[in-house]
Amino acid sequence: MAITIYTNDDIKPGAIAGQRIAIIGYGSQGRAHAQNLRDSGHDVIVGVREGGTGWKHATADGLPTAEPAEAVKGADIIAILTPDMIQGDVYRDVIEPNAKEGSALLFAHGFSIIYERITPRPDMDVILVAPKGPGDLVRREFQRGRGVPSLFAIEKDVTGKARDRAMGYAKGNGGATGGLLETTFREETETDLFGEQAVLCGGAKELVIQGFNTLVEAGYQPEIAYFECLHELKLIVDLFYEGGISKMHHFISETAKYGAVASGPRVVTEETKARMKTILDEIQDGTFARNWIAENEAGKPQYEAWLKADRESQIEQVGARLRERMAWLNTPKSEAA
């Protein structure tokens, strides 16, 4: 069965008209959501610590600000857009004691609900709106009148208004212009974590590193290996992004195409798929969440060691030297616009 893709025309006019939206956190997503919703005509207030970086940025962006607890008071929709690992504390200390009855708690990722980091008050709607792109892209596409596709989900509808709230928020953020898909908290959380770990951030990174290492260990120049295994990856990903696998095949040479279909399955094998299934199992049964929570509680020593190893790897050292000569990567955003 084909999934329904909702657009602006499918959303009830004035779905969240007159409702105050508190954005808690002013990072990448918080900044984009707050500005987009404000520009869509909604009543937005940003909850940030007075004098902090978020406060300064929100004020410079022309948005009303308040201490988080004050921002929550009187809000109809409370968007908690802080990092996953601090959301439990933010909810307990700021939201739970101050949110008015019948307000909605909105997430952009379901981690805190699925892994029971937060148990919302029984009088609150619990909803999700998750743009499928980083905050900077969410803002830029909104300004261009387009919008980034978004997911929405209803975990709990106490007031009978949860669906309208989620879809209205998504429309105000540009998500219904890009295309709005309904999901569940669990589906969004588990697929998002899996994609990050197995393909987008973990799998792709390791494929690049091991390809680079294979060439260098075989005696090829590191700079050539960098271009072949990392630099040119963007060209292929752009083709995937624009037109899927078919467009990538259409724009590469016959030799590259033959090598792709003949050798790709020899690199990413059934064993690789089995490892991916193990990763998914660990996400589904909570092992990943428990490990990540424990790592945070211990001060993140292994996490920092892994990141340090990546920063100090040969491919990173070679890449830094080469990128210094790529003027187009160092052009100020104001000039590149």
Protein backbone atom coordinates (compact mmCIF):
# COMPACT_ATOMS: atom_id res chain seq x y z
CA MET A 1 0.00 0.00 0.00
CA ALA A 2 1.40 3.39 -0.99
CA ILE A 3 1.98 5.80 1.86
CA THR A 4 0.02 9.06 1.89
CA ILE A 5 2.12 12.17 1.42
CA TYR A 6 0.29 15.10 2.96
CA THR A 7 0.65 18.64 1.62
CA ASN A 8 -0.48 22.05 2.84
CA ASP A 9 -3.90 21.52 1.26
CA ASP A 10 -4.49 18.45 3.46
CA ILE A 11 -4.06 20.36 6.71
CA LYS A 12 -6.99 22.02 8.41
CA PRO A 13 -6.82 25.81 7.97
CA GLY A 14 -5.86 27.44 11.25
CA ALA A 15 -4.95 24.07 12.77
CA ILE A 16 -2.84 25.75 15.47
CA ALA A 17 -4.08 29.33 15.12
CA GLY A 18 -3.79 31.25 18.35
CA GLN A 19 -1.69 28.61 20.07
CA ARG A 20 1.56 29.70 21.67
CA ILE A 21 4.60 27.60 20.76
CA ALA A 22 7.55 27.37 23.14
CA ILE A 23 10.78 26.24 21.50
CA ILE A 24 13.06 24.81 24.19
CA GLY A 25 16.64 24.85 22.93
CA TYR A 26 18.11 27.00 20.17
CA GLY A 27 20.55 24.74 18.37
CA SER A 28 20.39 23.75 14.71
CA GLN A 29 16.79 22.51 14.71
CA GLY A 30 15.51 24.90 17.36
CA ARG A 31 16.74 27.94 15.49
CA ALA A 32 15.18 26.79 12.20
CA HIS A 33 11.84 25.79 13.73
CA ALA A 34 11.49 29.02 15.71
CA GLN A 35 12.21 31.29 12.77
CA ASN A 36 10.07 29.31 10.32
CA LEU A 37 7.08 29.18 12.66
CA ARG A 38 7.45 32.89 13.45
CA ASP A 39 7.59 33.71 9.74
CA SER A 40 4.47 31.57 9.22
CA GLY A 41 2.61 33.89 11.58
CA HIS A 42 2.63 31.79 14.75
CA ASP A 43 3.14 32.99 18.31
CA VAL A 44 6.61 31.71 19.18
CA ILE A 45 8.75 32.12 22.28
CA VAL A 46 12.22 30.60 22.73
CA GLY A 47 13.18 29.08 26.08
CA VAL A 48 16.91 29.61 26.68
CA ARG A 49 19.17 30.63 29.54
CA GLU A 50 19.52 34.39 29.81
CA GLY A 51 22.90 35.55 28.55
CA GLY A 52 23.77 32.20 26.98
CA THR A 53 24.66 31.56 23.35
CA GLY A 54 21.11 30.50 22.47
CA TRP A 55 19.69 33.64 24.10
CA LYS A 56 22.06 35.85 22.12
CA HIS A 57 21.29 34.12 18.82
CA ALA A 58 17.53 34.15 19.35
CA THR A 59 17.57 37.82 20.32
CA ALA A 60 19.68 38.66 17.27
CA ASP A 61 17.17 36.76 15.13
CA GLY A 62 14.39 38.97 16.46
CA LEU A 63 12.63 36.28 18.51
CA PRO A 64 11.13 36.78 21.97
CA THR A 65 13.04 34.87 24.64
CA ALA A 66 12.52 33.80 28.22
CA GLU A 67 14.09 31.47 30.73
CA PRO A 68 12.90 27.94 29.82
CA ALA A 69 10.52 27.63 32.77
CA GLU A 70 8.89 30.96 31.93
CA ALA A 71 8.64 30.09 28.25
CA VAL A 72 6.79 26.88 29.08
CA LYS A 73 4.15 28.63 31.19
CA GLY A 74 1.12 29.35 29.07
CA ALA A 75 2.44 27.52 26.00
CA ASP A 76 0.04 25.28 24.10
CA ILE A 77 2.81 23.40 22.24
CA ILE A 78 6.18 22.81 23.88
CA ALA A 79 8.85 21.69 21.41
CA ILE A 80 11.74 20.08 23.25
CA LEU A 81 14.67 20.46 20.84
CA THR A 82 17.60 20.00 23.19
CA PRO A 83 20.08 17.08 22.80
CA ASP A 84 18.60 13.65 23.62
CA MET A 85 20.74 13.05 26.69
CA ILE A 86 19.54 16.15 28.56
CA GLN A 87 15.88 15.99 27.61
CA GLY A 88 14.94 13.95 30.68
CA ASP A 89 16.35 16.61 33.00
CA VAL A 90 14.75 19.43 30.99
CA TYR A 91 11.36 17.74 31.16
CA ARG A 92 11.60 16.96 34.88
CA ASP A 93 12.95 20.34 36.00
CA VAL A 94 11.41 22.75 33.50
CA ILE A 95 8.43 21.34 31.64
CA GLU A 96 6.55 19.02 34.00
CA PRO A 97 6.11 21.56 36.84
CA ASN A 98 5.28 24.49 34.55
CA ALA A 99 3.32 23.22 31.54
CA LYS A 100 -0.35 24.07 31.56
CA GLU A 101 -2.93 21.30 31.51
CA GLY A 102 -3.73 19.98 28.03
CA SER A 103 -0.59 21.30 26.40
CA ALA A 104 1.31 19.24 23.82
CA LEU A 105 4.87 17.97 24.21
CA LEU A 106 6.51 17.89 20.78
CA PHE A 107 9.71 16.07 19.81
CA ALA A 108 11.83 16.05 16.64
CA HIS A 109 13.16 12.56 17.49
CA GLY A 110 11.48 9.87 19.55
CA PHE A 111 14.47 8.63 21.59
CA SER A 112 13.33 10.02 24.95
CA ILE A 113 9.86 8.49 24.64
CA ILE A 114 10.76 5.11 23.15
CA TYR A 115 13.55 4.49 25.66
CA GLU A 116 11.47 5.90 28.55
CA ARG A 117 13.74 8.79 29.41
CA ILE A 118 10.57 10.88 29.73
CA THR A 119 7.14 9.84 30.98
CA PRO A 120 4.86 12.76 30.07
CA ARG A 121 2.12 13.88 32.40
CA PRO A 122 -1.17 12.10 31.66
CA ASP A 123 -2.91 15.34 30.64
CA MET A 124 -0.44 16.14 27.84
CA ASP A 125 -0.58 15.33 24.14
CA VAL A 126 2.65 13.74 22.88
CA ILE A 127 3.53 14.40 19.25
CA LEU A 128 6.49 14.31 16.89
CA VAL A 129 7.53 16.42 13.90
CA ALA A 130 10.86 15.35 12.39
CA PRO A 131 12.26 17.20 9.36
CA LYS A 132 14.43 14.92 7.22
CA GLY A 133 17.35 17.30 7.07
CA PRO A 134 19.61 19.42 9.31
CA GLY A 135 18.34 22.68 10.72
CA ASP A 136 20.29 24.87 8.32
CA LEU A 137 18.64 23.13 5.36
CA VAL A 138 15.20 23.33 7.01
CA ARG A 139 15.61 27.10 7.27
CA ARG A 140 17.09 27.65 3.80
CA GLU A 141 14.43 25.60 2.02
CA PHE A 142 11.67 27.38 3.94
CA GLN A 143 13.07 30.75 2.87
CA ARG A 144 13.05 29.55 -0.74
CA GLY A 145 9.37 28.66 -0.42
CA ARG A 146 10.02 24.92 -0.71
CA GLY A 147 10.49 23.09 2.58
CA VAL A 148 12.15 19.87 3.72
CA PRO A 149 10.05 16.66 3.81
CA SER A 150 9.04 15.80 7.37
CA LEU A 151 7.63 12.94 9.41
CA PHE A 152 4.92 13.34 12.03
CA ALA A 153 3.55 10.98 14.66
CA ILE A 154 0.99 10.93 17.44
CA GLU A 155 2.01 9.03 20.56
CA LYS A 156 -0.79 10.27 22.80
CA ASP A 157 -3.90 12.30 22.02
CA VAL A 158 -5.51 13.43 25.25
CA THR A 159 -7.16 16.62 24.00
CA GLY A 160 -8.43 15.41 20.64
CA LYS A 161 -6.25 18.10 19.06
CA ALA A 162 -2.94 16.22 18.82
CA ARG A 163 -3.12 15.46 15.10
CA ASP A 164 -4.04 19.03 14.21
CA ARG A 165 -1.23 20.28 16.42
CA ALA A 166 1.38 18.05 14.82
CA MET A 167 0.29 18.73 11.25
CA GLY A 168 -0.18 22.44 11.86
CA TYR A 169 3.29 22.71 13.39
CA ALA A 170 4.78 20.79 10.45
CA LYS A 171 3.03 23.11 7.99
CA GLY A 172 4.35 26.18 9.78
CA ASN A 173 7.86 24.72 9.65
CA GLY A 174 7.69 24.03 5.90
CA GLY A 175 7.29 20.27 6.22
CA ALA A 176 3.98 20.05 4.38
CA THR A 177 5.46 22.04 1.49
CA GLY A 178 8.24 19.45 1.21
CA GLY A 179 5.84 16.55 1.82
CA LEU A 180 4.55 15.23 5.15
CA LEU A 181 4.52 11.50 5.99
CA GLU A 182 2.86 9.87 8.99
CA THR A 183 4.83 7.42 11.10
CA THR A 184 5.05 6.28 14.73
CA PHE A 185 7.49 7.29 17.45
CA ARG A 186 9.00 3.80 17.36
CA GLU A 187 9.37 3.65 13.59
CA GLU A 188 10.96 7.11 13.40
CA THR A 189 13.34 6.41 16.26
CA GLU A 190 14.51 2.96 15.20
CA THR A 191 14.89 3.76 11.49
CA ASP A 192 16.67 7.04 12.24
CA LEU A 193 19.17 5.38 14.58
CA PHE A 194 19.73 2.52 12.16
CA GLY A 195 20.29 4.83 9.19
CA GLU A 196 22.81 6.90 11.12
CA GLN A 197 24.74 3.90 12.40
CA ALA A 198 24.67 1.39 9.56
CA VAL A 199 24.61 3.61 6.47
CA LEU A 200 24.85 7.39 6.65
CA CYS A 201 27.35 8.17 9.38
CA GLY A 202 28.83 4.87 10.55
CA GLY A 203 28.73 2.65 7.47
CA ALA A 204 29.73 5.31 4.94
CA LYS A 205 32.56 6.58 7.13
CA GLU A 206 34.04 3.14 7.64
CA LEU A 207 33.70 2.27 3.94
CA VAL A 208 35.63 5.43 3.05
CA ILE A 209 38.33 4.83 5.67
CA GLN A 210 38.88 1.19 4.75
CA GLY A 211 38.95 1.98 1.02
CA PHE A 212 41.55 4.68 1.68
CA ASN A 213 43.62 2.36 3.90
CA THR A 214 43.50 -0.44 1.30
CA LEU A 215 44.98 1.81 -1.40
CA VAL A 216 47.63 3.35 0.87
CA GLU A 217 48.72 -0.02 2.21
CA ALA A 218 49.08 -1.21 -1.39
CA GLY A 219 51.59 1.59 -2.02
CA TYR A 220 49.43 4.26 -3.66
CA GLN A 221 49.84 7.92 -2.75
CA PRO A 222 47.57 8.95 0.16
CA GLU A 223 46.50 12.07 -1.71
CA ILE A 224 45.29 10.01 -4.68
CA ALA A 225 43.54 7.59 -2.33
CA TYR A 226 41.79 10.53 -0.63
CA PHE A 227 40.42 11.83 -3.91
CA GLU A 228 39.21 8.41 -5.00
CA CYS A 229 37.64 7.28 -1.74
CA LEU A 230 36.40 10.46 -0.05
CA HIS A 231 36.49 13.56 -2.24
CA GLU A 232 34.57 12.08 -5.16
CA LEU A 233 31.96 10.50 -2.91
CA LYS A 234 29.99 13.76 -2.94
CA LEU A 235 29.54 13.52 -6.70
CA ILE A 236 27.95 10.09 -6.38
CA VAL A 237 25.83 11.00 -3.35
CA ASP A 238 24.49 14.06 -5.19
CA LEU A 239 23.35 11.80 -8.04
CA PHE A 240 21.68 9.43 -5.56
CA TYR A 241 19.98 12.42 -3.89
CA GLU A 242 18.75 13.91 -7.17
CA GLY A 243 17.51 10.77 -8.94
CA GLY A 244 18.25 7.59 -7.04
CA ILE A 245 20.39 4.67 -8.18
CA SER A 246 19.13 4.98 -11.77
CA LYS A 247 20.45 8.52 -12.14
CA MET A 248 23.81 7.51 -10.70
CA HIS A 249 24.05 4.69 -13.24
CA HIS A 250 23.05 7.04 -16.05
CA PHE A 251 25.80 9.59 -15.34
CA ILE A 252 28.79 7.35 -14.70
CA SER A 253 30.87 5.61 -17.35
CA GLU A 254 30.10 2.13 -18.65
CA THR A 255 33.29 0.88 -17.00
CA ALA A 256 32.30 2.41 -13.65
CA LYS A 257 28.81 0.99 -14.00
CA TYR A 258 30.10 -2.52 -14.72
CA GLY A 259 32.50 -2.31 -11.79
CA ALA A 260 29.69 -1.13 -9.52
CA VAL A 261 27.32 -4.00 -10.26
CA ALA A 262 30.10 -6.62 -10.42
CA SER A 263 32.11 -5.60 -7.34
CA GLY A 264 29.74 -3.72 -5.04
CA PRO A 265 28.03 -6.89 -3.78
CA ARG A 266 31.47 -8.38 -3.05
CA VAL A 267 32.21 -5.52 -0.65
CA VAL A 268 28.84 -5.23 1.04
CA THR A 269 28.00 -8.89 1.43
CA GLU A 270 25.40 -11.01 3.18
CA GLU A 271 27.75 -10.95 6.17
CA THR A 272 27.56 -7.14 6.13
CA LYS A 273 23.78 -7.33 6.01
CA ALA A 274 23.83 -9.73 8.97
CA ARG A 275 25.91 -7.19 10.92
CA MET A 276 23.36 -4.53 10.00
CA LYS A 277 20.62 -6.79 11.35
CA THR A 278 22.53 -7.11 14.61
CA ILE A 279 22.74 -3.32 14.85
CA LEU A 280 19.00 -3.06 14.24
CA ASP A 281 18.32 -5.73 16.88
CA GLU A 282 20.36 -3.74 19.41
CA ILE A 283 18.38 -0.60 18.60
CA GLN A 284 15.06 -2.44 18.89
CA ASP A 285 15.84 -4.22 22.17
CA GLY A 286 17.29 -1.09 23.81
CA THR A 287 20.92 -2.25 23.97
CA PHE A 288 22.18 0.76 22.01
CA ALA A 289 20.21 3.21 24.14
CA ARG A 290 21.42 1.63 27.40
CA ASN A 291 25.03 1.71 26.19
CA TRP A 292 24.78 5.34 25.09
CA ILE A 293 23.11 6.40 28.33
CA ALA A 294 25.76 4.57 30.39
CA GLU A 295 28.53 6.14 28.29
CA ASN A 296 27.14 9.61 29.05
CA GLU A 297 26.81 8.87 32.73
CA ALA A 298 30.47 7.73 32.80
CA GLY A 299 31.65 11.01 31.21
CA LYS A 300 31.89 9.64 27.65
CA PRO A 301 35.49 8.28 27.79
CA GLN A 302 35.11 5.68 25.02
CA TYR A 303 33.11 8.08 22.86
CA GLU A 304 35.84 10.73 23.12
CA ALA A 305 38.56 8.15 22.40
CA TRP A 306 36.78 6.99 19.24
CA LEU A 307 36.32 10.57 18.02
CA LYS A 308 39.98 11.33 18.76
CA ALA A 309 41.06 8.30 16.71
CA ASP A 310 38.99 9.54 13.77
CA ARG A 311 40.42 13.07 14.03
CA GLU A 312 43.98 11.75 14.10
CA SER A 313 43.58 9.21 11.28
CA GLN A 314 45.74 9.53 8.19
CA ILE A 315 42.81 10.26 5.91
CA GLU A 316 41.88 13.27 8.06
CA GLN A 317 45.44 14.63 8.02
CA VAL A 318 45.75 14.21 4.25
CA GLY A 319 42.30 15.65 3.65
CA ALA A 320 42.97 18.75 5.75
CA ARG A 321 46.04 19.58 3.64
CA LEU A 322 44.23 19.05 0.36
CA ARG A 323 41.13 21.02 1.36
CA GLU A 324 43.26 24.06 2.15
CA ARG A 325 43.79 24.36 -1.62
CA MET A 326 40.10 23.98 -2.49
CA ALA A 327 39.08 27.63 -2.58
CA TRP A 328 35.41 26.81 -3.14
CA LEU A 329 35.25 25.07 0.24
CA ASN A 330 36.62 28.12 2.03
CA THR A 331 34.42 30.77 0.44
CA PRO A 332 32.49 32.73 3.10
CA LYS A 333 28.77 31.90 3.04
CA SER A 334 27.93 35.52 2.26
CA GLU A 335 30.01 35.32 -0.93
CA ALA A 336 28.76 31.86 -1.90
CA ALA A 337 25.09 32.82 -1.60
